Amino acid sequence: MESELTATLERAAHSTWRALALTAIGPLTVLAGVAWALVQPYRVTLLDPRAHGVWDHVVQPPLLVVTVGVLFHVVVVRPLVRALEGGS
């Protein structure tokens, strides 16, 4: 009986670490995009709006990294964490 309880607790702890790691990927990606924009401010064309077209404002590499981080967190991580919590 004790070994079953120990195995269950170990699985729950392992699942918690998985969920924590998955949950951290999206915000870390957003943080990387913001850091990129701060380190290379010339890539952010919003600082000089008259010199660039609309497409340059929409498709900025740091902005795309932030967008991917947010979408990954909302579309992939949330359902995956729910499945991990429900499957344990």
PDB file of N, CA and C in Angstrom:
ATOM      1  N   MET A   1       0.822  -1.191   0.000  1.00  0.00           N
ATOM      2  CA  MET A   1       0.000   0.000   0.000  1.00  0.00           C
ATOM      3  C   MET A   1       0.867   1.257   0.000  1.00  0.00           C
ATOM      4  N   GLU A   2       1.940   1.216   0.754  1.00  0.00           N
ATOM      5  CA  GLU A   2       2.814   2.379   0.846  1.00  0.00           C
ATOM      6  C   GLU A   2       3.526   2.646  -0.484  1.00  0.00           C
ATOM      7  N   SER A   3       3.914   1.594  -1.197  1.00  0.00           N
ATOM      8  CA  SER A   3       4.594   1.781  -2.478  1.00  0.00           C
ATOM      9  C   SER A   3       3.653   2.370  -3.526  1.00  0.00           C
ATOM     10  N   GLU A   4       2.367   2.031  -3.474  1.00  0.00           N
ATOM     11  CA  GLU A   4       1.401   2.617  -4.400  1.00  0.00           C
ATOM     12  C   GLU A   4       1.247   4.110  -4.139  1.00  0.00           C
ATOM     13  N   LEU A   5       1.197   4.482  -2.872  1.00  0.00           N
ATOM     14  CA  LEU A   5       1.077   5.888  -2.508  1.00  0.00           C
ATOM     15  C   LEU A   5       2.329   6.663  -2.939  1.00  0.00           C
ATOM     16  N   THR A   6       3.478   6.070  -2.728  1.00  0.00           N
ATOM     17  CA  THR A   6       4.725   6.713  -3.133  1.00  0.00           C
ATOM     18  C   THR A   6       4.782   6.891  -4.644  1.00  0.00           C
ATOM     19  N   ALA A   7       4.378   5.879  -5.380  1.00  0.00           N
ATOM     20  CA  ALA A   7       4.381   5.961  -6.848  1.00  0.00           C
ATOM     21  C   ALA A   7       3.419   7.043  -7.328  1.00  0.00           C
ATOM     22  N   THR A   8       2.274   7.143  -6.690  1.00  0.00           N
ATOM     23  CA  THR A   8       1.293   8.168  -7.062  1.00  0.00           C
ATOM     24  C   THR A   8       1.835   9.561  -6.783  1.00  0.00           C
ATOM     25  N   LEU A   9       2.469   9.752  -5.648  1.00  0.00           N
ATOM     26  CA  LEU A   9       3.039  11.053  -5.311  1.00  0.00           C
ATOM     27  C   LEU A   9       4.184  11.423  -6.250  1.00  0.00           C
ATOM     28  N   GLU A  10       5.005  10.439  -6.624  1.00  0.00           N
ATOM     29  CA  GLU A  10       6.099  10.700  -7.556  1.00  0.00           C
ATOM     30  C   GLU A  10       5.557  11.104  -8.928  1.00  0.00           C
ATOM     31  N   ARG A  11       4.494  10.432  -9.381  1.00  0.00           N
ATOM     32  CA  ARG A  11       3.881  10.783 -10.664  1.00  0.00           C
ATOM     33  C   ARG A  11       3.304  12.192 -10.622  1.00  0.00           C
ATOM     34  N   ALA A  12       2.665  12.540  -9.500  1.00  0.00           N
ATOM     35  CA  ALA A  12       2.081  13.875  -9.368  1.00  0.00           C
ATOM     36  C   ALA A  12       3.173  14.946  -9.370  1.00  0.00           C
ATOM     37  N   ALA A  13       4.281  14.682  -8.684  1.00  0.00           N
ATOM     38  CA  ALA A  13       5.382  15.640  -8.658  1.00  0.00           C
ATOM     39  C   ALA A  13       6.012  15.774 -10.039  1.00  0.00           C
ATOM     40  N   HIS A  14       6.163  14.662 -10.732  1.00  0.00           N
ATOM     41  CA  HIS A  14       6.738  14.686 -12.081  1.00  0.00           C
ATOM     42  C   HIS A  14       5.820  15.452 -13.031  1.00  0.00           C
ATOM     43  N   SER A  15       4.530  15.244 -12.900  1.00  0.00           N
ATOM     44  CA  SER A  15       3.555  15.944 -13.735  1.00  0.00           C
ATOM     45  C   SER A  15       3.569  17.443 -13.440  1.00  0.00           C
ATOM     46  N   THR A  16       3.752  17.801 -12.171  1.00  0.00           N
ATOM     47  CA  THR A  16       3.801  19.211 -11.796  1.00  0.00           C
ATOM     48  C   THR A  16       5.009  19.887 -12.437  1.00  0.00           C
ATOM     49  N   TRP A  17       6.158  19.217 -12.419  1.00  0.00           N
ATOM     50  CA  TRP A  17       7.348  19.784 -13.046  1.00  0.00           C
ATOM     51  C   TRP A  17       7.169  19.919 -14.556  1.00  0.00           C
ATOM     52  N   ARG A  18       6.520  18.947 -15.173  1.00  0.00           N
ATOM     53  CA  ARG A  18       6.247  19.042 -16.611  1.00  0.00           C
ATOM     54  C   ARG A  18       5.365  20.250 -16.917  1.00  0.00           C
ATOM     55  N   ALA A  19       4.312  20.404 -16.132  1.00  0.00           N
ATOM     56  CA  ALA A  19       3.388  21.520 -16.345  1.00  0.00           C
ATOM     57  C   ALA A  19       4.104  22.851 -16.126  1.00  0.00           C
ATOM     58  N   LEU A  20       4.946  22.925 -15.108  1.00  0.00           N
ATOM     59  CA  LEU A  20       5.682  24.151 -14.837  1.00  0.00           C
ATOM     60  C   LEU A  20       6.641  24.477 -15.987  1.00  0.00           C
ATOM     61  N   ALA A  21       7.332  23.471 -16.493  1.00  0.00           N
ATOM     62  CA  ALA A  21       8.259  23.686 -17.607  1.00  0.00           C
ATOM     63  C   ALA A  21       7.508  24.126 -18.867  1.00  0.00           C
ATOM     64  N   LEU A  22       6.388  23.488 -19.148  1.00  0.00           N
ATOM     65  CA  LEU A  22       5.597  23.872 -20.322  1.00  0.00           C
ATOM     66  C   LEU A  22       5.037  25.282 -20.185  1.00  0.00           C
ATOM     67  N   THR A  23       4.592  25.618 -18.998  1.00  0.00           N
ATOM     68  CA  THR A  23       4.015  26.931 -18.765  1.00  0.00           C
ATOM     69  C   THR A  23       5.064  28.029 -18.894  1.00  0.00           C
ATOM     70  N   ALA A  24       6.314  27.717 -18.628  1.00  0.00           N
ATOM     71  CA  ALA A  24       7.370  28.727 -18.677  1.00  0.00           C
ATOM     72  C   ALA A  24       7.850  29.030 -20.095  1.00  0.00           C
ATOM     73  N   ILE A  25       7.616  28.147 -21.051  1.00  0.00           N
ATOM     74  CA  ILE A  25       8.148  28.333 -22.406  1.00  0.00           C
ATOM     75  C   ILE A  25       7.582  29.587 -23.083  1.00  0.00           C
ATOM     76  N   GLY A  26       6.276  29.772 -23.012  1.00  0.00           N
ATOM     77  CA  GLY A  26       5.650  30.936 -23.668  1.00  0.00           C
ATOM     78  C   GLY A  26       6.141  32.262 -23.113  1.00  0.00           C
ATOM     79  N   PRO A  27       6.065  32.474 -21.790  1.00  0.00           N
ATOM     80  CA  PRO A  27       6.557  33.744 -21.238  1.00  0.00           C
ATOM     81  C   PRO A  27       8.055  33.974 -21.466  1.00  0.00           C
ATOM     82  N   LEU A  28       8.849  32.903 -21.448  1.00  0.00           N
ATOM     83  CA  LEU A  28      10.278  33.063 -21.725  1.00  0.00           C
ATOM     84  C   LEU A  28      10.514  33.490 -23.171  1.00  0.00           C
ATOM     85  N   THR A  29       9.699  33.001 -24.080  1.00  0.00           N
ATOM     86  CA  THR A  29       9.804  33.409 -25.479  1.00  0.00           C
ATOM     87  C   THR A  29       9.422  34.883 -25.643  1.00  0.00           C
ATOM     88  N   VAL A  30       8.369  35.300 -24.959  1.00  0.00           N
ATOM     89  CA  VAL A  30       7.965  36.708 -24.995  1.00  0.00           C
ATOM     90  C   VAL A  30       9.074  37.583 -24.413  1.00  0.00           C
ATOM     91  N   LEU A  31       9.649  37.143 -23.303  1.00  0.00           N
ATOM     92  CA  LEU A  31      10.743  37.883 -22.686  1.00  0.00           C
ATOM     93  C   LEU A  31      11.940  37.986 -23.630  1.00  0.00           C
ATOM     94  N   ALA A  32      12.232  36.918 -24.365  1.00  0.00           N
ATOM     95  CA  ALA A  32      13.327  36.944 -25.334  1.00  0.00           C
ATOM     96  C   ALA A  32      13.048  37.950 -26.447  1.00  0.00           C
ATOM     97  N   GLY A  33      11.804  38.018 -26.916  1.00  0.00           N
ATOM     98  CA  GLY A  33      11.443  38.992 -27.951  1.00  0.00           C
ATOM     99  C   GLY A  33      11.572  40.424 -27.463  1.00  0.00           C
ATOM    100  N   VAL A  34      11.158  40.663 -26.232  1.00  0.00           N
ATOM    101  CA  VAL A  34      11.279  42.012 -25.662  1.00  0.00           C
ATOM    102  C   VAL A  34      12.752  42.362 -25.458  1.00  0.00           C
ATOM    103  N   ALA A  35      13.538  41.401 -24.973  1.00  0.00           N
ATOM    104  CA  ALA A  35      14.976  41.642 -24.794  1.00  0.00           C
ATOM    105  C   ALA A  35      15.639  41.927 -26.136  1.00  0.00           C
ATOM    106  N   TRP A  36      15.242  41.190 -27.168  1.00  0.00           N
ATOM    107  CA  TRP A  36      15.784  41.415 -28.506  1.00  0.00           C
ATOM    108  C   TRP A  36      15.471  42.835 -28.979  1.00  0.00           C
ATOM    109  N   ALA A  37      14.243  43.279 -28.730  1.00  0.00           N
ATOM    110  CA  ALA A  37      13.859  44.624 -29.138  1.00  0.00           C
ATOM    111  C   ALA A  37      14.643  45.684 -28.360  1.00  0.00           C
ATOM    112  N   LEU A  38      14.973  45.393 -27.108  1.00  0.00           N
ATOM    113  CA  LEU A  38      15.745  46.351 -26.321  1.00  0.00           C
ATOM    114  C   LEU A  38      17.225  46.358 -26.709  1.00  0.00           C
ATOM    115  N   VAL A  39      17.753  45.193 -27.044  1.00  0.00           N
ATOM    116  CA  VAL A  39      19.167  45.092 -27.403  1.00  0.00           C
ATOM    117  C   VAL A  39      19.412  45.661 -28.800  1.00  0.00           C
ATOM    118  N   GLN A  40      18.491  45.450 -29.712  1.00  0.00           N
ATOM    119  CA  GLN A  40      18.628  45.952 -31.073  1.00  0.00           C
ATOM    120  C   GLN A  40      17.451  46.882 -31.398  1.00  0.00           C
ATOM    121  N   PRO A  41      17.452  48.100 -30.865  1.00  0.00           N
ATOM    122  CA  PRO A  41      16.298  48.991 -31.066  1.00  0.00           C
ATOM    123  C   PRO A  41      16.104  49.426 -32.515  1.00  0.00           C
ATOM    124  N   TYR A  42      17.148  49.325 -33.342  1.00  0.00           N
ATOM    125  CA  TYR A  42      16.977  49.700 -34.751  1.00  0.00           C
ATOM    126  C   TYR A  42      16.049  48.742 -35.481  1.00  0.00           C
ATOM    127  N   ARG A  43      15.807  47.552 -34.927  1.00  0.00           N
ATOM    128  CA  ARG A  43      14.871  46.613 -35.549  1.00  0.00           C
ATOM    129  C   ARG A  43      13.414  47.022 -35.320  1.00  0.00           C
ATOM    130  N   VAL A  44      13.173  47.830 -34.307  1.00  0.00           N
ATOM    131  CA  VAL A  44      11.811  48.266 -34.000  1.00  0.00           C
ATOM    132  C   VAL A  44      11.520  49.500 -34.844  1.00  0.00           C
ATOM    133  N   THR A  45      10.820  49.305 -35.929  1.00  0.00           N
ATOM    134  CA  THR A  45      10.567  50.393 -36.878  1.00  0.00           C
ATOM    135  C   THR A  45       9.508  51.365 -36.381  1.00  0.00           C
ATOM    136  N   LEU A  46       8.852  51.052 -35.277  1.00  0.00           N
ATOM    137  CA  LEU A  46       7.860  51.979 -34.736  1.00  0.00           C
ATOM    138  C   LEU A  46       8.513  53.254 -34.216  1.00  0.00           C
ATOM    139  N   LEU A  47       9.823  53.195 -33.958  1.00  0.00           N
ATOM    140  CA  LEU A  47      10.519  54.366 -33.463  1.00  0.00           C
ATOM    141  C   LEU A  47      10.716  55.431 -34.547  1.00  0.00           C
ATOM    142  N   ASP A  48      10.654  55.039 -35.803  1.00  0.00           N
ATOM    143  CA  ASP A  48      10.787  55.960 -36.926  1.00  0.00           C
ATOM    144  C   ASP A  48       9.689  55.636 -37.947  1.00  0.00           C
ATOM    145  N   PRO A  49       8.443  56.030 -37.667  1.00  0.00           N
ATOM    146  CA  PRO A  49       7.317  55.577 -38.486  1.00  0.00           C
ATOM    147  C   PRO A  49       7.293  56.121 -39.918  1.00  0.00           C
ATOM    148  N   ARG A  50       7.869  57.298 -40.170  1.00  0.00           N
ATOM    149  CA  ARG A  50       7.791  57.883 -41.511  1.00  0.00           C
ATOM    150  C   ARG A  50       8.757  57.229 -42.494  1.00  0.00           C
ATOM    151  N   ALA A  51       9.761  56.542 -41.989  1.00  0.00           N
ATOM    152  CA  ALA A  51      10.777  55.961 -42.866  1.00  0.00           C
ATOM    153  C   ALA A  51      10.402  54.567 -43.379  1.00  0.00           C
ATOM    154  N   HIS A  52       9.322  53.981 -42.852  1.00  0.00           N
ATOM    155  CA  HIS A  52       8.981  52.604 -43.193  1.00  0.00           C
ATOM    156  C   HIS A  52       7.508  52.502 -43.580  1.00  0.00           C
ATOM    157  N   GLY A  53       7.202  51.450 -44.343  1.00  0.00           N
ATOM    158  CA  GLY A  53       5.824  51.197 -44.744  1.00  0.00           C
ATOM    159  C   GLY A  53       5.074  50.375 -43.713  1.00  0.00           C
ATOM    160  N   VAL A  54       3.830  50.097 -44.008  1.00  0.00           N
ATOM    161  CA  VAL A  54       2.970  49.340 -43.096  1.00  0.00           C
ATOM    162  C   VAL A  54       3.509  47.933 -42.882  1.00  0.00           C
ATOM    163  N   TRP A  55       3.967  47.300 -43.941  1.00  0.00           N
ATOM    164  CA  TRP A  55       4.467  45.934 -43.836  1.00  0.00           C
ATOM    165  C   TRP A  55       5.665  45.859 -42.890  1.00  0.00           C
ATOM    166  N   ASP A  56       6.525  46.872 -42.926  1.00  0.00           N
ATOM    167  CA  ASP A  56       7.672  46.899 -42.022  1.00  0.00           C
ATOM    168  C   ASP A  56       7.240  47.023 -40.564  1.00  0.00           C
ATOM    169  N   HIS A  57       6.121  47.691 -40.327  1.00  0.00           N
ATOM    170  CA  HIS A  57       5.624  47.824 -38.957  1.00  0.00           C
ATOM    171  C   HIS A  57       4.995  46.526 -38.452  1.00  0.00           C
ATOM    172  N   VAL A  58       4.354  45.799 -39.329  1.00  0.00           N
ATOM    173  CA  VAL A  58       3.654  44.575 -38.928  1.00  0.00           C
ATOM    174  C   VAL A  58       4.625  43.413 -38.757  1.00  0.00           C
ATOM    175  N   VAL A  59       5.578  43.273 -39.652  1.00  0.00           N
ATOM    176  CA  VAL A  59       6.473  42.121 -39.638  1.00  0.00           C
ATOM    177  C   VAL A  59       7.854  42.560 -39.144  1.00  0.00           C
ATOM    178  N   GLN A  60       7.951  42.709 -37.840  1.00  0.00           N
ATOM    179  CA  GLN A  60       9.221  42.993 -37.188  1.00  0.00           C
ATOM    180  C   GLN A  60       9.652  41.726 -36.455  1.00  0.00           C
ATOM    181  N   PRO A  61      10.891  41.300 -36.618  1.00  0.00           N
ATOM    182  CA  PRO A  61      11.309  40.054 -35.969  1.00  0.00           C
ATOM    183  C   PRO A  61      11.034  39.998 -34.461  1.00  0.00           C
ATOM    184  N   PRO A  62      11.343  41.026 -33.661  1.00  0.00           N
ATOM    185  CA  PRO A  62      11.016  40.923 -32.233  1.00  0.00           C
ATOM    186  C   PRO A  62       9.514  40.815 -31.973  1.00  0.00           C
ATOM    187  N   LEU A  63       8.732  41.526 -32.792  1.00  0.00           N
ATOM    188  CA  LEU A  63       7.277  41.456 -32.652  1.00  0.00           C
ATOM    189  C   LEU A  63       6.766  40.062 -32.995  1.00  0.00           C
ATOM    190  N   LEU A  64       7.346  39.443 -34.009  1.00  0.00           N
ATOM    191  CA  LEU A  64       6.955  38.081 -34.367  1.00  0.00           C
ATOM    192  C   LEU A  64       7.307  37.089 -33.263  1.00  0.00           C
ATOM    193  N   VAL A  65       8.457  37.265 -32.623  1.00  0.00           N
ATOM    194  CA  VAL A  65       8.848  36.375 -31.521  1.00  0.00           C
ATOM    195  C   VAL A  65       7.879  36.514 -30.359  1.00  0.00           C
ATOM    196  N   VAL A  66       7.494  37.731 -30.025  1.00  0.00           N
ATOM    197  CA  VAL A  66       6.524  37.951 -28.947  1.00  0.00           C
ATOM    198  C   VAL A  66       5.180  37.322 -29.310  1.00  0.00           C
ATOM    199  N   THR A  67       4.747  37.491 -30.552  1.00  0.00           N
ATOM    200  CA  THR A  67       3.471  36.923 -31.002  1.00  0.00           C
ATOM    201  C   THR A  67       3.486  35.396 -30.936  1.00  0.00           C
ATOM    202  N   VAL A  68       4.585  34.792 -31.367  1.00  0.00           N
ATOM    203  CA  VAL A  68       4.698  33.333 -31.312  1.00  0.00           C
ATOM    204  C   VAL A  68       4.670  32.852 -29.863  1.00  0.00           C
ATOM    205  N   GLY A  69       5.328  33.564 -28.970  1.00  0.00           N
ATOM    206  CA  GLY A  69       5.311  33.187 -27.555  1.00  0.00           C
ATOM    207  C   GLY A  69       3.911  33.224 -26.965  1.00  0.00           C
ATOM    208  N   VAL A  70       3.167  34.267 -27.287  1.00  0.00           N
ATOM    209  CA  VAL A  70       1.793  34.389 -26.776  1.00  0.00           C
ATOM    210  C   VAL A  70       0.899  33.302 -27.381  1.00  0.00           C
ATOM    211  N   LEU A  71       0.985  33.109 -28.681  1.00  0.00           N
ATOM    212  CA  LEU A  71       0.155  32.079 -29.323  1.00  0.00           C
ATOM    213  C   LEU A  71       0.505  30.678 -28.825  1.00  0.00           C
ATOM    214  N   PHE A  72       1.786  30.398 -28.644  1.00  0.00           N
ATOM    215  CA  PHE A  72       2.188  29.088 -28.125  1.00  0.00           C
ATOM    216  C   PHE A  72       1.596  28.867 -26.744  1.00  0.00           C
ATOM    217  N   HIS A  73       1.640  29.898 -25.916  1.00  0.00           N
ATOM    218  CA  HIS A  73       1.107  29.751 -24.560  1.00  0.00           C
ATOM    219  C   HIS A  73      -0.405  29.524 -24.563  1.00  0.00           C
ATOM    220  N   VAL A  74      -1.108  30.261 -25.404  1.00  0.00           N
ATOM    221  CA  VAL A  74      -2.572  30.179 -25.419  1.00  0.00           C
ATOM    222  C   VAL A  74      -3.069  28.931 -26.146  1.00  0.00           C
ATOM    223  N   VAL A  75      -2.481  28.632 -27.311  1.00  0.00           N
ATOM    224  CA  VAL A  75      -3.009  27.566 -28.162  1.00  0.00           C
ATOM    225  C   VAL A  75      -2.461  26.187 -27.795  1.00  0.00           C
ATOM    226  N   VAL A  76      -1.195  26.115 -27.409  1.00  0.00           N
ATOM    227  CA  VAL A  76      -0.570  24.812 -27.177  1.00  0.00           C
ATOM    228  C   VAL A  76      -0.485  24.464 -25.698  1.00  0.00           C
ATOM    229  N   VAL A  77       0.028  25.377 -24.902  1.00  0.00           N
ATOM    230  CA  VAL A  77       0.342  25.046 -23.506  1.00  0.00           C
ATOM    231  C   VAL A  77      -0.906  24.850 -22.662  1.00  0.00           C
ATOM    232  N   ARG A  78      -1.858  25.755 -22.756  1.00  0.00           N
ATOM    233  CA  ARG A  78      -3.050  25.633 -21.895  1.00  0.00           C
ATOM    234  C   ARG A  78      -3.772  24.301 -22.072  1.00  0.00           C
ATOM    235  N   PRO A  79      -4.089  23.868 -23.298  1.00  0.00           N
ATOM    236  CA  PRO A  79      -4.733  22.555 -23.437  1.00  0.00           C
ATOM    237  C   PRO A  79      -3.830  21.401 -22.997  1.00  0.00           C
ATOM    238  N   LEU A  80      -2.535  21.528 -23.237  1.00  0.00           N
ATOM    239  CA  LEU A  80      -1.609  20.478 -22.853  1.00  0.00           C
ATOM    240  C   LEU A  80      -1.512  20.336 -21.338  1.00  0.00           C
ATOM    241  N   VAL A  81      -1.476  21.442 -20.633  1.00  0.00           N
ATOM    242  CA  VAL A  81      -1.431  21.402 -19.163  1.00  0.00           C
ATOM    243  C   VAL A  81      -2.744  20.841 -18.615  1.00  0.00           C
ATOM    244  N   ARG A  82      -3.853  21.231 -19.224  1.00  0.00           N
ATOM    245  CA  ARG A  82      -5.144  20.657 -18.792  1.00  0.00           C
ATOM    246  C   ARG A  82      -5.147  19.142 -18.982  1.00  0.00           C
ATOM    247  N   ALA A  83      -4.594  18.681 -20.090  1.00  0.00           N
ATOM    248  CA  ALA A  83      -4.530  17.238 -20.343  1.00  0.00           C
ATOM    249  C   ALA A  83      -3.604  16.543 -19.349  1.00  0.00           C
ATOM    250  N   LEU A  84      -2.508  17.179 -19.019  1.00  0.00           N
ATOM    251  CA  LEU A  84      -1.592  16.598 -18.021  1.00  0.00           C
ATOM    252  C   LEU A  84      -2.234  16.504 -16.646  1.00  0.00           C
ATOM    253  N   GLU A  85      -2.959  17.544 -16.260  1.00  0.00           N
ATOM    254  CA  GLU A  85      -3.618  17.547 -14.954  1.00  0.00           C
ATOM    255  C   GLU A  85      -4.775  16.544 -14.926  1.00  0.00           C
ATOM    256  N   GLY A  86      -5.486  16.430 -16.011  1.00  0.00           N
ATOM    257  CA  GLY A  86      -6.611  15.503 -16.061  1.00  0.00           C
ATOM    258  C   GLY A  86      -6.174  14.052 -16.230  1.00  0.00           C
ATOM    259  N   GLY A  87      -5.033  13.839 -16.880  1.00  0.00           N
ATOM    260  CA  GLY A  87      -4.552  12.490 -17.143  1.00  0.00           C
ATOM    261  C   GLY A  87      -3.857  11.854 -15.947  1.00  0.00           C
ATOM    262  N   SER A  88      -3.430  12.662 -14.969  1.00  0.00           N
ATOM    263  CA  SER A  88      -2.694  12.127 -13.820  1.00  0.00           C
ATOM    264  C   SER A  88      -3.588  11.460 -12.841  1.00  0.00           C
TER     265      SER A  88
END
